[in-house]
Amino acid sequence: MNEQPIEQEKGSNRTGLNAERLKELWSKTYNTEGKPDWSHILPFYDEDIYFRDSIQELQGMEKFKAMTERLTDRSNDLTMKIVRTAQQNKDIFIEWEMTIKFKRNPSSVLYGSSRVTLNDEGKIIEQRDYYDLWGDIFDNIPRFGKAYRRFMKKKFG
């Protein structure tokens, strides 16, 4: 797999937010001495942000900020490698590898992607994250990871 970032169709909008700029902002968010720092990227989110991932669905900046604070509090170390980005019109796609070290468990790598949608002002109005939370975490637990993968293959593969 080619791990070089790919930027396509750079968007033009009032904030200047496009795939390249979002990659730069996300890289700063998650690679800051272990604890994520969202302060520089939050201004690029709309007050009515809609967010959904494997765990939760929420709407509004207040709830979004609370979610980012919970993520920061739960981990001792959190980094993200941006594998590639692409943009089509107002949608930006990011493939990533997040390494998270929880306070009581070994570190885990989560492989995922995010789709963010920009509004007419160029702010992020929607973010949808896709990843296999339990599979990626269980893979790092001796003996349990293999059993989990066998079960998933038998039932769903």
Protein backbone atom coordinates (compact mmCIF):
# COMPACT_ATOMS: atom_id res chain seq x y z
CA MET A 1 0.00 0.00 0.00
CA ASN A 2 1.28 3.42 -0.91
CA GLU A 3 1.68 5.43 2.28
CA GLN A 4 2.30 8.74 0.59
CA PRO A 5 -0.46 11.26 1.17
CA ILE A 6 -2.75 11.84 -1.77
CA GLU A 7 -4.50 15.17 -2.19
CA GLN A 8 -7.17 15.58 -4.82
CA GLU A 9 -9.41 18.43 -5.89
CA LYS A 10 -8.28 21.01 -3.38
CA GLY A 11 -11.37 22.80 -2.20
CA SER A 12 -11.73 26.50 -2.12
CA ASN A 13 -13.83 28.09 0.58
CA ARG A 14 -13.73 30.99 2.98
CA THR A 15 -11.58 29.30 5.63
CA GLY A 16 -9.13 27.78 3.18
CA LEU A 17 -9.80 24.36 4.68
CA ASN A 18 -8.98 21.57 2.26
CA ALA A 19 -7.49 18.06 2.47
CA GLU A 20 -3.92 19.32 2.79
CA ARG A 21 -4.74 21.87 5.50
CA LEU A 22 -6.91 19.39 7.43
CA LYS A 23 -4.08 16.84 7.36
CA GLU A 24 -1.74 19.46 8.83
CA LEU A 25 -4.24 20.40 11.57
CA TRP A 26 -4.99 16.78 12.51
CA SER A 27 -1.27 15.97 12.66
CA LYS A 28 -0.80 18.79 15.18
CA THR A 29 -3.84 17.66 17.19
CA TYR A 30 -2.64 14.14 17.89
CA ASN A 31 1.13 14.43 17.95
CA THR A 32 1.64 16.78 20.88
CA GLU A 33 3.65 15.01 23.57
CA GLY A 34 1.02 12.31 24.09
CA LYS A 35 -2.05 14.36 24.96
CA PRO A 36 -4.22 15.60 22.09
CA ASP A 37 -4.55 19.37 21.74
CA TRP A 38 -7.70 20.41 19.90
CA SER A 39 -7.39 24.17 20.52
CA HIS A 40 -6.06 25.04 17.05
CA ILE A 41 -8.58 22.91 15.11
CA LEU A 42 -11.84 23.61 16.97
CA PRO A 43 -12.31 27.01 15.24
CA PHE A 44 -12.65 25.07 11.96
CA TYR A 45 -15.72 23.20 13.29
CA ASP A 46 -19.22 24.64 12.91
CA GLU A 47 -21.18 25.27 16.14
CA ASP A 48 -23.77 22.74 14.94
CA ILE A 49 -21.21 19.96 14.24
CA TYR A 50 -22.72 16.48 13.81
CA PHE A 51 -20.33 13.68 14.85
CA ARG A 52 -20.73 9.92 14.70
CA ASP A 53 -18.39 6.98 15.24
CA SER A 54 -18.62 3.35 16.41
CA ILE A 55 -19.42 4.42 19.97
CA GLN A 56 -21.43 7.61 19.91
CA GLU A 57 -23.50 10.08 17.98
CA LEU A 58 -23.70 13.71 19.03
CA GLN A 59 -24.52 17.16 17.76
CA GLY A 60 -23.32 20.61 18.77
CA MET A 61 -19.98 22.12 19.71
CA GLU A 62 -20.53 21.74 23.46
CA LYS A 63 -21.01 17.97 23.18
CA PHE A 64 -18.19 17.67 20.64
CA LYS A 65 -15.74 19.48 22.95
CA ALA A 66 -16.82 17.27 25.87
CA MET A 67 -16.10 14.18 23.74
CA THR A 68 -12.60 15.43 22.87
CA GLU A 69 -11.90 16.10 26.55
CA ARG A 70 -13.02 12.57 27.51
CA LEU A 71 -10.70 11.09 24.90
CA THR A 72 -7.79 13.14 26.23
CA ASP A 73 -8.52 12.18 29.85
CA ARG A 74 -8.75 8.43 29.10
CA SER A 75 -5.38 8.03 27.47
CA ASN A 76 -1.81 8.40 28.61
CA ASP A 77 -0.48 8.66 25.09
CA LEU A 78 -2.32 9.20 21.81
CA THR A 79 -0.71 9.69 18.41
CA MET A 80 -2.06 9.58 14.89
CA LYS A 81 -0.35 8.82 11.61
CA ILE A 82 -2.18 10.23 8.60
CA VAL A 83 -1.81 7.65 5.84
CA ARG A 84 -3.58 9.52 3.04
CA THR A 85 -6.13 12.21 2.33
CA ALA A 86 -8.46 12.89 -0.55
CA GLN A 87 -11.09 15.50 -1.28
CA GLN A 88 -14.16 15.51 -3.48
CA ASN A 89 -16.06 18.79 -3.47
CA LYS A 90 -17.02 19.51 0.18
CA ASP A 91 -16.08 16.03 1.48
CA ILE A 92 -12.59 15.32 2.80
CA PHE A 93 -11.51 11.73 3.47
CA ILE A 94 -8.66 10.83 5.80
CA GLU A 95 -7.17 7.37 6.36
CA TRP A 96 -5.36 7.13 9.69
CA GLU A 97 -3.60 4.89 12.21
CA MET A 98 -4.16 5.95 15.81
CA THR A 99 -1.95 4.55 18.56
CA ILE A 100 -3.57 4.89 21.95
CA LYS A 101 -2.12 3.89 25.29
CA PHE A 102 -4.84 3.56 27.89
CA LYS A 103 -4.08 4.09 31.56
CA ARG A 104 -4.46 0.40 32.50
CA ASN A 105 -4.06 -1.51 29.24
CA PRO A 106 -1.33 -2.01 26.65
CA SER A 107 -1.20 0.34 23.71
CA SER A 108 -3.36 -0.43 20.70
CA VAL A 109 -3.30 0.68 17.10
CA LEU A 110 -6.70 1.54 15.63
CA TYR A 111 -6.91 1.61 11.85
CA GLY A 112 -9.62 3.86 10.52
CA SER A 113 -10.82 6.63 8.31
CA SER A 114 -12.85 9.78 8.68
CA ARG A 115 -15.11 11.68 6.35
CA VAL A 116 -15.61 15.35 7.11
CA THR A 117 -18.10 17.53 5.26
CA LEU A 118 -17.62 21.28 4.93
CA ASN A 119 -20.46 23.78 4.94
CA ASP A 120 -20.65 26.79 2.60
CA GLU A 121 -18.41 28.79 4.96
CA GLY A 122 -15.76 26.06 4.80
CA LYS A 123 -16.26 24.86 8.38
CA ILE A 124 -16.65 21.21 9.34
CA ILE A 125 -20.38 20.57 9.74
CA GLU A 126 -20.20 16.77 9.86
CA GLN A 127 -17.59 14.18 10.83
CA ARG A 128 -18.04 10.43 10.51
CA ASP A 129 -15.28 8.15 11.83
CA TYR A 130 -15.05 4.51 10.73
CA TYR A 131 -12.96 1.94 12.64
CA ASP A 132 -13.13 -1.47 14.32
CA LEU A 133 -12.68 -0.42 17.94
CA TRP A 134 -12.98 -3.80 19.63
CA GLY A 135 -11.13 -5.79 17.00
CA ASP A 136 -8.14 -3.46 17.01
CA ILE A 137 -8.00 -3.36 20.81
CA PHE A 138 -8.52 -7.12 21.24
CA ASP A 139 -5.73 -7.83 18.74
CA ASN A 140 -3.29 -6.50 21.35
CA ILE A 141 -4.46 -8.77 24.18
CA PRO A 142 -2.52 -12.07 24.22
CA ARG A 143 -4.63 -15.15 23.38
CA PHE A 144 -7.85 -13.14 23.35
CA GLY A 145 -7.17 -11.43 20.03
CA LYS A 146 -6.83 -14.69 18.09
CA ALA A 147 -9.96 -16.13 19.72
CA TYR A 148 -11.92 -12.99 18.87
CA ARG A 149 -10.78 -13.08 15.22
CA ARG A 150 -11.69 -16.81 14.94
CA PHE A 151 -15.15 -16.06 16.34
CA MET A 152 -15.68 -13.14 13.95
CA LYS A 153 -14.54 -15.18 10.96
CA LYS A 154 -16.79 -18.11 11.92
CA LYS A 155 -19.87 -15.96 12.51
CA PHE A 156 -19.43 -13.19 9.96
CA GLY A 157 -16.61 -14.14 7.57
